[in-house]
Amino acid sequence: MPIREAHSALNLACQEAATWGTDQVVSVNLSPVQFKNTNLLHVVTLALVDTGLPARAITELSSSLMIKTTAEGVETPEQMELLRAEGCSHFQGFLYGRPVPASERLITLRQIDGARPAATK
């Protein structure tokens, strides 16, 4: 099945699972060729987001594929801990800092790097 058709199958499966109101899981079989497609994670993420299924599904898929997951928009320590428990490996958001121009961020990174002991650089 081409990745385009896999997207439709994923969307249908996720739409169905979203109506269950339980913690049941949904599985969709993919071929080795589909797993080689660099767009696969994007397709899966869209299907989950479009149907409102929880982030746990994304983190479980990422973990099973040994792909690191970045949670965006993390604003509180509680959100970060929940996402960490769900399997996210990386985080970004206001909890870690407000948006700044790249030039300001480089200054901060240089200051942090300069403050580290030589053995950790």
Protein backbone atom coordinates (compact mmCIF):
# COMPACT_ATOMS: atom_id res chain seq x y z
CA MET A 1 0.00 0.00 0.00
CA PRO A 2 1.51 3.37 -0.95
CA ILE A 3 2.15 5.85 1.87
CA ARG A 4 -0.83 7.92 0.65
CA GLU A 5 -3.14 4.94 1.16
CA ALA A 6 -1.48 4.16 4.49
CA HIS A 7 -2.36 7.71 5.56
CA SER A 8 -6.03 7.04 4.77
CA ALA A 9 -5.95 3.71 6.59
CA LEU A 10 -4.31 5.32 9.62
CA ASN A 11 -6.84 8.14 9.65
CA LEU A 12 -9.75 5.70 9.46
CA ALA A 13 -8.30 3.50 12.19
CA CYS A 14 -7.60 6.49 14.43
CA GLN A 15 -11.06 7.97 13.82
CA GLU A 16 -12.61 4.68 14.86
CA ALA A 17 -10.40 4.36 17.96
CA ALA A 18 -11.21 7.94 18.99
CA THR A 19 -14.89 6.96 19.34
CA TRP A 20 -14.20 4.07 21.73
CA GLY A 21 -13.66 6.18 24.85
CA THR A 22 -11.35 3.54 26.34
CA ASP A 23 -7.63 2.89 26.69
CA GLN A 24 -7.70 0.29 23.91
CA VAL A 25 -5.05 0.53 21.23
CA VAL A 26 -5.36 0.50 17.47
CA SER A 27 -2.92 -1.25 15.15
CA VAL A 28 -2.35 -0.76 11.45
CA ASN A 29 0.01 -3.04 9.58
CA LEU A 30 2.66 -1.37 7.45
CA SER A 31 5.09 -2.89 5.00
CA PRO A 32 8.90 -2.64 5.25
CA VAL A 33 8.78 -0.24 2.29
CA GLN A 34 6.46 2.08 4.19
CA PHE A 35 8.77 2.01 7.21
CA LYS A 36 11.60 3.20 4.95
CA ASN A 37 9.56 6.24 3.91
CA THR A 38 11.01 9.31 5.64
CA ASN A 39 7.52 10.85 5.80
CA LEU A 40 6.03 8.00 7.88
CA LEU A 41 6.32 9.64 11.29
CA HIS A 42 4.74 12.82 9.90
CA VAL A 43 1.85 10.78 8.46
CA VAL A 44 1.29 9.01 11.79
CA THR A 45 1.50 12.25 13.74
CA LEU A 46 -1.06 13.91 11.46
CA ALA A 47 -3.45 10.99 11.83
CA LEU A 48 -3.20 11.15 15.62
CA VAL A 49 -3.51 14.93 15.80
CA ASP A 50 -6.40 15.03 13.29
CA THR A 51 -8.37 12.54 15.38
CA GLY A 52 -7.43 13.88 18.80
CA LEU A 53 -5.76 10.70 20.04
CA PRO A 54 -3.32 11.21 22.90
CA ALA A 55 0.39 11.94 22.67
CA ARG A 56 1.04 8.53 24.24
CA ALA A 57 0.41 6.96 20.85
CA ILE A 58 3.07 9.16 19.26
CA THR A 59 5.61 8.49 21.99
CA GLU A 60 4.96 4.74 21.91
CA LEU A 61 5.45 4.68 18.13
CA SER A 62 8.61 6.76 18.41
CA SER A 63 9.99 4.53 21.14
CA SER A 64 9.27 1.38 19.15
CA LEU A 65 11.08 2.87 16.14
CA MET A 66 13.91 4.15 18.39
CA ILE A 67 13.18 7.74 17.33
CA LYS A 68 13.64 10.60 19.80
CA THR A 69 10.51 12.60 20.51
CA THR A 70 10.43 16.35 21.19
CA ALA A 71 7.43 17.73 23.05
CA GLU A 72 6.81 21.34 22.04
CA GLY A 73 5.00 23.97 24.07
CA VAL A 74 5.95 22.63 27.51
CA GLU A 75 5.03 25.37 29.99
CA THR A 76 4.96 23.74 33.42
CA PRO A 77 7.02 21.16 35.35
CA GLU A 78 3.85 19.07 35.61
CA GLN A 79 3.48 18.95 31.81
CA MET A 80 7.12 17.98 31.46
CA GLU A 81 6.82 15.16 34.00
CA LEU A 82 3.64 13.84 32.36
CA LEU A 83 5.26 13.89 28.93
CA ARG A 84 8.42 12.26 30.31
CA ALA A 85 6.27 9.51 31.82
CA GLU A 86 4.60 9.07 28.41
CA GLY A 87 8.01 8.52 26.82
CA CYS A 88 9.08 11.89 25.39
CA SER A 89 12.83 12.24 25.26
CA HIS A 90 13.23 15.97 24.53
CA PHE A 91 11.29 19.08 25.54
CA GLN A 92 11.01 22.70 24.52
CA GLY A 93 8.75 25.54 25.50
CA PHE A 94 8.36 28.44 27.91
CA LEU A 95 9.41 26.22 30.83
CA TYR A 96 12.92 26.32 29.36
CA GLY A 97 12.94 29.89 28.10
CA ARG A 98 11.11 32.51 26.11
CA PRO A 99 11.74 33.00 22.39
CA VAL A 100 14.70 35.28 21.69
CA PRO A 101 16.59 36.27 18.55
CA ALA A 102 19.25 33.75 17.52
CA SER A 103 22.01 36.29 18.27
CA GLU A 104 20.89 36.49 21.93
CA ARG A 105 20.62 32.71 22.21
CA LEU A 106 24.18 32.30 20.90
CA ILE A 107 25.45 34.66 23.62
CA THR A 108 23.68 32.60 26.29
CA LEU A 109 25.04 29.33 24.89
CA ARG A 110 28.59 30.73 24.83
CA GLN A 111 28.23 31.88 28.44
CA ILE A 112 27.00 28.43 29.49
CA ASP A 113 29.79 26.72 27.55
CA GLY A 114 32.39 29.06 29.07
CA ALA A 115 31.17 28.28 32.59
CA ARG A 116 31.61 24.50 32.22
CA PRO A 117 34.74 22.79 33.52
CA ALA A 118 37.15 21.88 30.72
CA ALA A 119 36.57 18.13 31.22
CA THR A 120 32.89 18.42 30.25
CA LYS A 121 33.35 20.54 27.12
